């Protein structure tokens, strides 16, 4: 979703960016180890974090992450929110401190996440 809202801003009025991957260039610093440095060029062409730039308006995203996500480091979502804030762009952010990769740890957390997502979507997509 990060790539979608940076490459085709015109198509979206809402974007739920769950367990967000934003900074693909620094992914190696956030848990992933690339054995192919020659991939940098094509990764750079789409990496959403680097595509969040001044002078453009982005769809208002709802960024969801989890403090304990062992697959996608929560720094991706945190950095994206900080960049959007620095650009003066609106966004919503939720970080579950208990959940793992799905951003939930139990049924109560799952229900809360769904309620947040549905509330966000209805406010962004319904007149």
Protein backbone atom coordinates (compact mmCIF):
# COMPACT_ATOMS: atom_id res chain seq x y z
CA UNK A 1 0.00 0.00 0.00
CA UNK A 2 2.89 2.37 0.63
CA UNK A 3 3.97 1.95 -2.98
CA UNK A 4 0.39 2.34 -4.21
CA UNK A 5 -0.21 5.66 -2.42
CA UNK A 6 3.11 7.11 -3.60
CA UNK A 7 2.89 5.94 -7.21
CA UNK A 8 -0.85 6.39 -7.85
CA UNK A 9 -2.00 9.04 -5.38
CA UNK A 10 -4.90 9.86 -7.68
CA UNK A 11 -6.57 6.46 -7.25
CA UNK A 12 -7.09 6.43 -3.49
CA UNK A 13 -9.15 8.31 -0.95
CA UNK A 14 -8.24 5.81 1.75
CA UNK A 15 -5.39 3.39 2.37
CA UNK A 16 -5.07 0.97 5.25
CA UNK A 17 -1.36 0.27 5.43
CA UNK A 18 -1.11 -2.70 7.74
CA UNK A 19 2.31 -3.99 8.85
CA UNK A 20 3.75 -1.40 6.53
CA UNK A 21 6.90 -1.80 4.47
CA UNK A 22 8.04 1.71 3.61
CA UNK A 23 11.81 2.09 3.67
CA UNK A 24 12.90 -0.63 1.28
CA UNK A 25 16.38 0.87 0.85
CA UNK A 26 17.12 0.50 4.56
CA UNK A 27 15.29 -2.78 4.95
CA UNK A 28 18.66 -4.43 5.55
CA UNK A 29 19.04 -2.28 8.67
CA UNK A 30 15.58 -3.27 9.89
CA UNK A 31 15.86 -7.04 9.93
CA UNK A 32 16.29 -8.19 6.32
CA UNK A 33 19.66 -9.03 4.83
CA UNK A 34 20.04 -8.69 1.08
CA UNK A 35 22.68 -10.78 -0.59
CA UNK A 36 22.18 -8.90 -3.83
CA UNK A 37 23.43 -5.28 -3.67
CA UNK A 38 22.77 -4.95 -7.41
CA UNK A 39 19.05 -4.85 -6.56
CA UNK A 40 19.35 -1.34 -5.10
CA UNK A 41 18.47 0.37 -8.38
CA UNK A 42 15.10 -1.25 -8.89
CA UNK A 43 14.28 -1.13 -5.18
CA UNK A 44 15.01 2.61 -5.15
CA UNK A 45 12.57 3.10 -8.03
CA UNK A 46 9.60 2.05 -5.87
CA UNK A 47 10.63 2.40 -2.20
CA UNK A 48 7.67 4.29 -0.68
CA UNK A 49 9.55 6.07 2.10
CA UNK A 50 11.87 7.80 -0.36
CA UNK A 51 8.86 8.70 -2.55
CA UNK A 52 7.20 10.72 0.23
CA UNK A 53 8.41 14.13 -0.91
CA UNK A 54 7.42 17.80 -0.50
CA UNK A 55 4.96 19.33 -2.90
CA UNK A 56 2.75 16.29 -3.37
CA UNK A 57 -0.53 15.42 -1.71
CA UNK A 58 -0.98 11.83 -0.60
CA UNK A 59 -4.13 9.94 0.35
CA UNK A 60 -4.62 10.08 4.11
CA UNK A 61 -3.33 6.67 5.19
CA UNK A 62 -4.14 4.66 8.26
CA UNK A 63 -0.80 3.11 9.24
CA UNK A 64 -1.02 0.08 11.52
CA UNK A 65 1.98 -1.66 13.02
CA UNK A 66 2.94 -3.77 15.99
CA UNK A 67 5.74 -3.23 18.49
CA UNK A 68 6.44 -6.97 18.61
CA UNK A 69 6.28 -7.72 14.88
CA UNK A 70 9.13 -10.11 14.16
CA UNK A 71 8.73 -9.91 10.36
CA UNK A 72 8.22 -6.24 9.58
CA UNK A 73 9.96 -3.91 12.00
CA UNK A 74 7.63 -1.23 13.40
CA UNK A 75 10.19 1.41 12.41
CA UNK A 76 8.73 1.28 8.89
CA UNK A 77 5.36 2.57 10.08
CA UNK A 78 6.94 4.97 12.56
CA UNK A 79 9.24 6.48 9.93
CA UNK A 80 6.41 6.85 7.43
CA UNK A 81 4.26 8.64 10.02
CA UNK A 82 7.15 10.93 10.96
CA UNK A 83 7.86 11.75 7.29
CA UNK A 84 4.20 12.50 6.62
CA UNK A 85 4.10 14.74 9.71
CA UNK A 86 7.24 16.58 8.56
CA UNK A 87 5.59 17.13 5.17
CA UNK A 88 2.43 18.48 6.83
CA UNK A 89 0.41 15.58 5.43
CA UNK A 90 -2.44 14.12 7.49
CA UNK A 91 -2.35 10.46 8.53
CA UNK A 92 -3.65 8.09 11.19
CA UNK A 93 -1.35 5.79 13.13
CA UNK A 94 -1.96 2.87 15.45
CA UNK A 95 0.71 0.69 17.04
CA UNK A 96 -0.39 -2.31 19.04
CA UNK A 97 2.17 -3.04 21.76
CA UNK A 98 0.99 -6.63 22.30
CA UNK A 99 0.45 -8.11 18.87
CA UNK A 100 2.81 -9.70 16.40
CA UNK A 101 2.80 -9.58 12.62
CA UNK A 102 -0.98 -9.30 12.36
CA UNK A 103 -0.91 -6.39 14.84
CA UNK A 104 -3.12 -8.31 17.27
CA UNK A 105 -2.45 -10.72 20.13
CA UNK A 106 -5.98 -11.90 20.96
CA UNK A 107 -9.61 -11.59 19.91
CA UNK A 108 -10.10 -8.33 21.81
CA UNK A 109 -7.14 -6.79 19.99
CA UNK A 110 -8.42 -8.13 16.69
CA UNK A 111 -11.87 -6.64 17.29
CA UNK A 112 -10.31 -3.29 18.22
CA UNK A 113 -8.17 -3.25 15.07
CA UNK A 114 -11.17 -4.08 12.89
CA UNK A 115 -13.23 -1.35 14.55
CA UNK A 116 -10.47 1.18 13.91
CA UNK A 117 -10.15 0.08 10.28
CA UNK A 118 -13.91 0.21 9.63
CA UNK A 119 -14.24 3.59 11.32
CA UNK A 120 -11.37 4.99 9.26
CA UNK A 121 -12.71 3.53 6.00
CA UNK A 122 -16.27 4.76 6.57
CA UNK A 123 -15.06 8.28 7.36
CA UNK A 124 -12.76 8.39 4.32
CA UNK A 125 -15.08 6.72 1.80
CA UNK A 126 -18.67 7.61 2.78
CA UNK A 127 -20.14 11.08 2.32
